[in-house]
Amino acid sequence: MAKQQSISRGQRFRDVQVGSFGQPGPEWIVDAIFICTDSLTYAYLVSGRDLTQRKTLSLDILGDRQRFVEV
């Protein structure tokens, strides 16, 4: 596994997958960091375009440069 970078509240990440019609992937803002009952650390994310869209990802996934890049 790659060295874990420091991820904190307020950081912005973009999905590296190109969206429809070549548009860049959506931007996500880290709203909170927490440790779940499975002992993994997760980031609670909010969409930069639509604040009603939210999702949760492990920090391992969010820190994977093949999936997300910091904006």
Protein backbone atom coordinates (compact mmCIF):
# COMPACT_ATOMS: atom_id res chain seq x y z
CA MET A 1 0.00 0.00 0.00
CA ALA A 2 1.20 3.53 -0.78
CA LYS A 3 2.11 5.96 1.96
CA GLN A 4 -1.05 7.58 3.34
CA GLN A 5 -1.21 11.33 2.78
CA SER A 6 -2.82 13.62 5.30
CA ILE A 7 -6.45 14.31 4.43
CA SER A 8 -8.40 16.90 6.40
CA ARG A 9 -11.71 18.75 6.46
CA GLY A 10 -12.14 21.28 3.66
CA GLN A 11 -9.83 19.60 1.14
CA ARG A 12 -11.23 19.15 -2.36
CA PHE A 13 -10.77 16.10 -4.55
CA ARG A 14 -11.76 15.30 -8.11
CA ASP A 15 -12.54 11.86 -9.51
CA VAL A 16 -9.92 11.11 -12.20
CA GLN A 17 -12.48 9.28 -14.36
CA VAL A 18 -13.66 11.48 -17.21
CA GLY A 19 -17.42 11.98 -17.18
CA SER A 20 -19.93 12.20 -19.99
CA PHE A 21 -18.80 14.03 -23.12
CA GLY A 22 -15.25 14.40 -21.78
CA GLN A 23 -16.24 16.53 -18.80
CA PRO A 24 -13.91 16.32 -15.78
CA GLY A 25 -15.09 14.16 -12.89
CA PRO A 26 -17.09 15.76 -10.10
CA GLU A 27 -15.37 17.66 -7.31
CA TRP A 28 -15.91 16.49 -3.73
CA ILE A 29 -15.25 18.44 -0.50
CA VAL A 30 -14.22 16.66 2.71
CA ASP A 31 -16.85 17.58 5.29
CA ALA A 32 -15.74 15.28 8.12
CA ILE A 33 -13.28 12.50 8.97
CA PHE A 34 -14.29 9.65 11.26
CA ILE A 35 -13.31 6.14 12.37
CA CYS A 36 -16.07 3.59 11.87
CA THR A 37 -16.83 0.46 13.89
CA ASP A 38 -14.75 -1.56 11.40
CA SER A 39 -11.68 0.43 12.60
CA LEU A 40 -11.18 2.07 9.18
CA THR A 41 -11.01 5.84 8.74
CA TYR A 42 -13.54 7.41 6.39
CA ALA A 43 -14.21 10.81 4.83
CA TYR A 44 -17.73 12.18 4.61
CA LEU A 45 -17.86 14.06 1.29
CA VAL A 46 -20.14 16.76 -0.13
CA SER A 47 -20.44 17.52 -3.84
CA GLY A 48 -18.91 20.83 -4.92
CA ARG A 49 -21.76 21.30 -7.44
CA ASP A 50 -24.76 20.21 -5.38
CA LEU A 51 -24.52 20.33 -1.59
CA THR A 52 -27.39 17.84 -1.30
CA GLN A 53 -25.22 15.09 -2.85
CA ARG A 54 -23.12 13.32 -0.26
CA LYS A 55 -21.08 10.14 -0.01
CA THR A 56 -18.66 8.36 2.28
CA LEU A 57 -15.31 6.89 1.17
CA SER A 58 -12.44 5.32 3.07
CA LEU A 59 -9.30 7.45 3.23
CA ASP A 60 -7.48 4.63 1.41
CA ILE A 61 -9.77 5.08 -1.61
CA LEU A 62 -9.75 8.88 -1.46
CA GLY A 63 -5.95 8.89 -1.20
CA ASP A 64 -5.53 6.57 -4.20
CA ARG A 65 -4.06 8.76 -6.99
CA GLN A 66 -5.46 6.36 -9.62
CA ARG A 67 -8.97 7.26 -8.43
CA PHE A 68 -8.87 10.80 -7.01
CA VAL A 69 -6.60 13.85 -7.22
CA GLU A 70 -6.52 16.82 -4.87
CA VAL A 71 -7.85 20.01 -6.45
